[in-house]
C-alpha cells in the first residue's frame, strides 16, 4: 500500500524534501526533484537540522535518522 507524499520540509528557500514511501530532494526550490532514498514505509513527518541531517517518523511510530551530521 502506498501513501504518496505525506510530508514536506524545507531547510531554506532552495533545499527541501518530500517523503512518503520514498524521499525526494530538491536543491533549487522545487523545480527539480531527485530520488534521494527509497524504501521508507510511510513517513508521516520529518525535520532537518541542516542540509545533510534530519529525522523521519513513520506511520507506525518508527524514528529514523536520515543523512549525516
N, C-alpha and C. Protein backbone atom coordinates (compact mmCIF):
# COMPACT_ATOMS: atom_id res chain seq x y z
N UNK A 1 0.84 -1.18 0.00
CA UNK A 1 0.00 0.00 0.00
C UNK A 1 0.88 1.23 0.00
N UNK A 2 0.63 2.17 -0.88
CA UNK A 2 1.40 3.40 -0.93
C UNK A 2 0.68 4.54 -0.25
N UNK A 3 1.44 5.45 0.28
CA UNK A 3 0.88 6.61 0.94
C UNK A 3 0.99 7.87 0.10
N UNK A 4 1.73 7.81 -1.02
CA UNK A 4 2.02 9.03 -1.76
C UNK A 4 2.96 9.89 -0.94
N UNK A 5 2.98 11.18 -1.16
CA UNK A 5 3.81 12.07 -0.36
C UNK A 5 2.98 12.57 0.81
N UNK A 6 3.49 12.39 2.01
CA UNK A 6 2.72 12.72 3.20
C UNK A 6 3.36 13.80 4.06
N UNK A 7 4.60 14.19 3.72
CA UNK A 7 5.26 15.24 4.49
C UNK A 7 6.26 15.98 3.60
N UNK A 8 6.46 17.24 3.91
CA UNK A 8 7.41 18.07 3.17
C UNK A 8 8.15 18.95 4.18
N UNK A 9 9.43 19.19 3.92
CA UNK A 9 10.21 20.05 4.81
C UNK A 9 11.26 20.78 3.99
N UNK A 10 11.33 22.10 4.14
CA UNK A 10 12.37 22.91 3.51
C UNK A 10 13.24 23.51 4.61
N UNK A 11 14.57 23.33 4.50
CA UNK A 11 15.51 23.89 5.46
C UNK A 11 15.79 25.37 5.14
N UNK A 12 15.64 25.73 3.87
CA UNK A 12 15.78 27.12 3.42
C UNK A 12 14.97 27.26 2.13
N UNK A 13 15.09 28.34 1.41
CA UNK A 13 14.25 28.54 0.23
C UNK A 13 14.67 27.69 -0.97
N UNK A 14 15.79 26.99 -0.90
CA UNK A 14 16.26 26.16 -2.01
C UNK A 14 16.24 24.66 -1.73
N UNK A 15 16.53 24.25 -0.50
CA UNK A 15 16.74 22.85 -0.15
C UNK A 15 15.56 22.27 0.62
N UNK A 16 14.96 21.23 0.02
CA UNK A 16 13.79 20.63 0.65
C UNK A 16 13.64 19.16 0.30
N UNK A 17 12.74 18.50 1.02
CA UNK A 17 12.47 17.07 0.84
C UNK A 17 10.97 16.84 0.89
N UNK A 18 10.51 15.86 0.14
CA UNK A 18 9.16 15.33 0.27
C UNK A 18 9.31 13.84 0.53
N UNK A 19 8.42 13.29 1.33
CA UNK A 19 8.54 11.88 1.68
C UNK A 19 7.17 11.24 1.83
N UNK A 20 7.16 9.96 1.63
CA UNK A 20 6.04 9.06 1.84
C UNK A 20 6.67 7.70 2.01
N UNK A 21 6.69 6.92 0.93
CA UNK A 21 7.43 5.66 0.94
C UNK A 21 8.83 5.83 0.38
N UNK A 22 9.11 6.94 -0.24
CA UNK A 22 10.43 7.30 -0.75
C UNK A 22 10.69 8.76 -0.36
N UNK A 23 11.95 9.17 -0.45
CA UNK A 23 12.32 10.55 -0.16
C UNK A 23 12.89 11.18 -1.42
N UNK A 24 12.35 12.32 -1.80
CA UNK A 24 12.86 13.10 -2.92
C UNK A 24 13.40 14.40 -2.38
N UNK A 25 14.50 14.88 -2.99
CA UNK A 25 15.16 16.10 -2.54
C UNK A 25 15.24 17.10 -3.69
N UNK A 26 15.13 18.38 -3.34
CA UNK A 26 15.35 19.46 -4.29
C UNK A 26 16.45 20.36 -3.77
N UNK A 27 17.25 20.89 -4.67
CA UNK A 27 18.30 21.85 -4.31
C UNK A 27 18.07 23.19 -5.00
N UNK A 28 16.92 23.29 -5.72
CA UNK A 28 16.65 24.51 -6.49
C UNK A 28 15.25 25.06 -6.24
N UNK A 29 14.79 24.93 -5.02
CA UNK A 29 13.49 25.49 -4.67
C UNK A 29 12.29 24.72 -5.17
N UNK A 30 12.49 23.49 -5.63
CA UNK A 30 11.37 22.65 -6.07
C UNK A 30 11.20 22.52 -7.56
N UNK A 31 12.09 23.12 -8.35
CA UNK A 31 11.98 22.97 -9.80
C UNK A 31 12.33 21.56 -10.25
N UNK A 32 13.38 20.98 -9.66
CA UNK A 32 13.79 19.62 -9.99
C UNK A 32 13.86 18.81 -8.70
N UNK A 33 13.23 17.63 -8.71
CA UNK A 33 13.24 16.71 -7.57
C UNK A 33 13.96 15.44 -7.99
N UNK A 34 14.84 14.93 -7.13
CA UNK A 34 15.54 13.68 -7.42
C UNK A 34 15.30 12.69 -6.27
N UNK A 35 15.20 11.41 -6.63
CA UNK A 35 15.05 10.36 -5.63
C UNK A 35 16.31 10.33 -4.78
N UNK A 36 16.14 10.48 -3.49
CA UNK A 36 17.27 10.50 -2.58
C UNK A 36 17.37 9.23 -1.75
N UNK A 37 16.22 8.59 -1.47
CA UNK A 37 16.21 7.35 -0.70
C UNK A 37 14.90 6.63 -0.97
N UNK A 38 14.97 5.33 -1.21
CA UNK A 38 13.77 4.52 -1.45
C UNK A 38 13.60 3.52 -0.32
N UNK A 39 12.36 3.23 0.02
CA UNK A 39 12.09 2.15 0.94
C UNK A 39 11.59 2.52 2.32
N UNK A 40 11.35 3.80 2.59
CA UNK A 40 10.73 4.17 3.87
C UNK A 40 9.30 3.66 3.84
N UNK A 41 8.81 3.14 4.92
CA UNK A 41 7.43 2.66 4.95
C UNK A 41 6.57 3.71 5.62
N UNK A 42 6.05 4.61 4.82
CA UNK A 42 5.06 5.58 5.29
C UNK A 42 5.59 6.66 6.21
N UNK A 43 6.50 7.50 5.74
CA UNK A 43 6.93 8.64 6.54
C UNK A 43 5.75 9.57 6.76
N UNK A 44 5.58 10.02 8.00
CA UNK A 44 4.46 10.94 8.27
C UNK A 44 4.93 12.31 8.72
N UNK A 45 6.21 12.43 9.13
CA UNK A 45 6.74 13.74 9.50
C UNK A 45 8.26 13.68 9.37
N UNK A 46 8.87 14.85 9.16
CA UNK A 46 10.32 14.93 9.13
C UNK A 46 10.77 16.33 9.51
N UNK A 47 11.95 16.40 10.09
CA UNK A 47 12.58 17.65 10.47
C UNK A 47 14.06 17.53 10.16
N UNK A 48 14.66 18.57 9.64
CA UNK A 48 16.08 18.57 9.33
C UNK A 48 16.77 19.63 10.18
N UNK A 49 18.01 19.32 10.60
CA UNK A 49 18.79 20.27 11.37
C UNK A 49 19.75 21.04 10.48
N UNK A 50 20.06 20.47 9.30
CA UNK A 50 20.86 21.13 8.28
C UNK A 50 20.61 20.40 6.96
N UNK A 51 21.34 20.74 5.92
CA UNK A 51 21.11 20.14 4.59
C UNK A 51 21.49 18.67 4.53
N UNK A 52 22.21 18.17 5.53
CA UNK A 52 22.71 16.80 5.48
C UNK A 52 22.16 15.87 6.54
N UNK A 53 21.38 16.37 7.49
CA UNK A 53 20.95 15.53 8.60
C UNK A 53 19.52 15.86 9.02
N UNK A 54 18.71 14.82 9.14
CA UNK A 54 17.33 15.00 9.58
C UNK A 54 16.79 13.76 10.23
N UNK A 55 15.54 13.84 10.65
CA UNK A 55 14.87 12.73 11.32
C UNK A 55 13.50 12.54 10.68
N UNK A 56 13.13 11.27 10.49
CA UNK A 56 11.82 10.91 9.93
C UNK A 56 11.04 10.11 10.96
N UNK A 57 9.75 10.30 10.98
CA UNK A 57 8.86 9.49 11.80
C UNK A 57 7.89 8.80 10.85
N UNK A 58 7.74 7.48 10.99
CA UNK A 58 6.85 6.73 10.12
C UNK A 58 5.47 6.60 10.75
N UNK A 59 4.51 6.16 9.95
CA UNK A 59 3.14 5.98 10.43
C UNK A 59 3.04 4.96 11.56
N UNK A 60 4.00 4.02 11.62
CA UNK A 60 3.95 3.03 12.71
C UNK A 60 4.80 3.44 13.91
N UNK A 61 5.27 4.71 13.95
CA UNK A 61 5.98 5.23 15.10
C UNK A 61 7.49 5.05 15.09
N UNK A 62 8.03 4.51 14.03
CA UNK A 62 9.47 4.32 13.94
C UNK A 62 10.15 5.66 13.68
N UNK A 63 11.26 5.92 14.38
CA UNK A 63 12.04 7.14 14.19
C UNK A 63 13.34 6.75 13.48
N UNK A 64 13.63 7.43 12.37
CA UNK A 64 14.81 7.09 11.56
C UNK A 64 15.66 8.32 11.35
N UNK A 65 16.97 8.17 11.58
CA UNK A 65 17.91 9.25 11.25
C UNK A 65 18.19 9.19 9.77
N UNK A 66 18.23 10.35 9.15
CA UNK A 66 18.45 10.46 7.72
C UNK A 66 19.70 11.29 7.48
N UNK A 67 20.66 10.76 6.77
CA UNK A 67 21.87 11.50 6.43
C UNK A 67 22.91 11.47 7.52
N UNK A 68 23.82 12.44 7.45
CA UNK A 68 24.92 12.56 8.39
C UNK A 68 24.94 13.95 8.98
N UNK A 69 25.58 14.11 10.12
CA UNK A 69 25.65 15.42 10.79
C UNK A 69 26.37 16.43 9.97
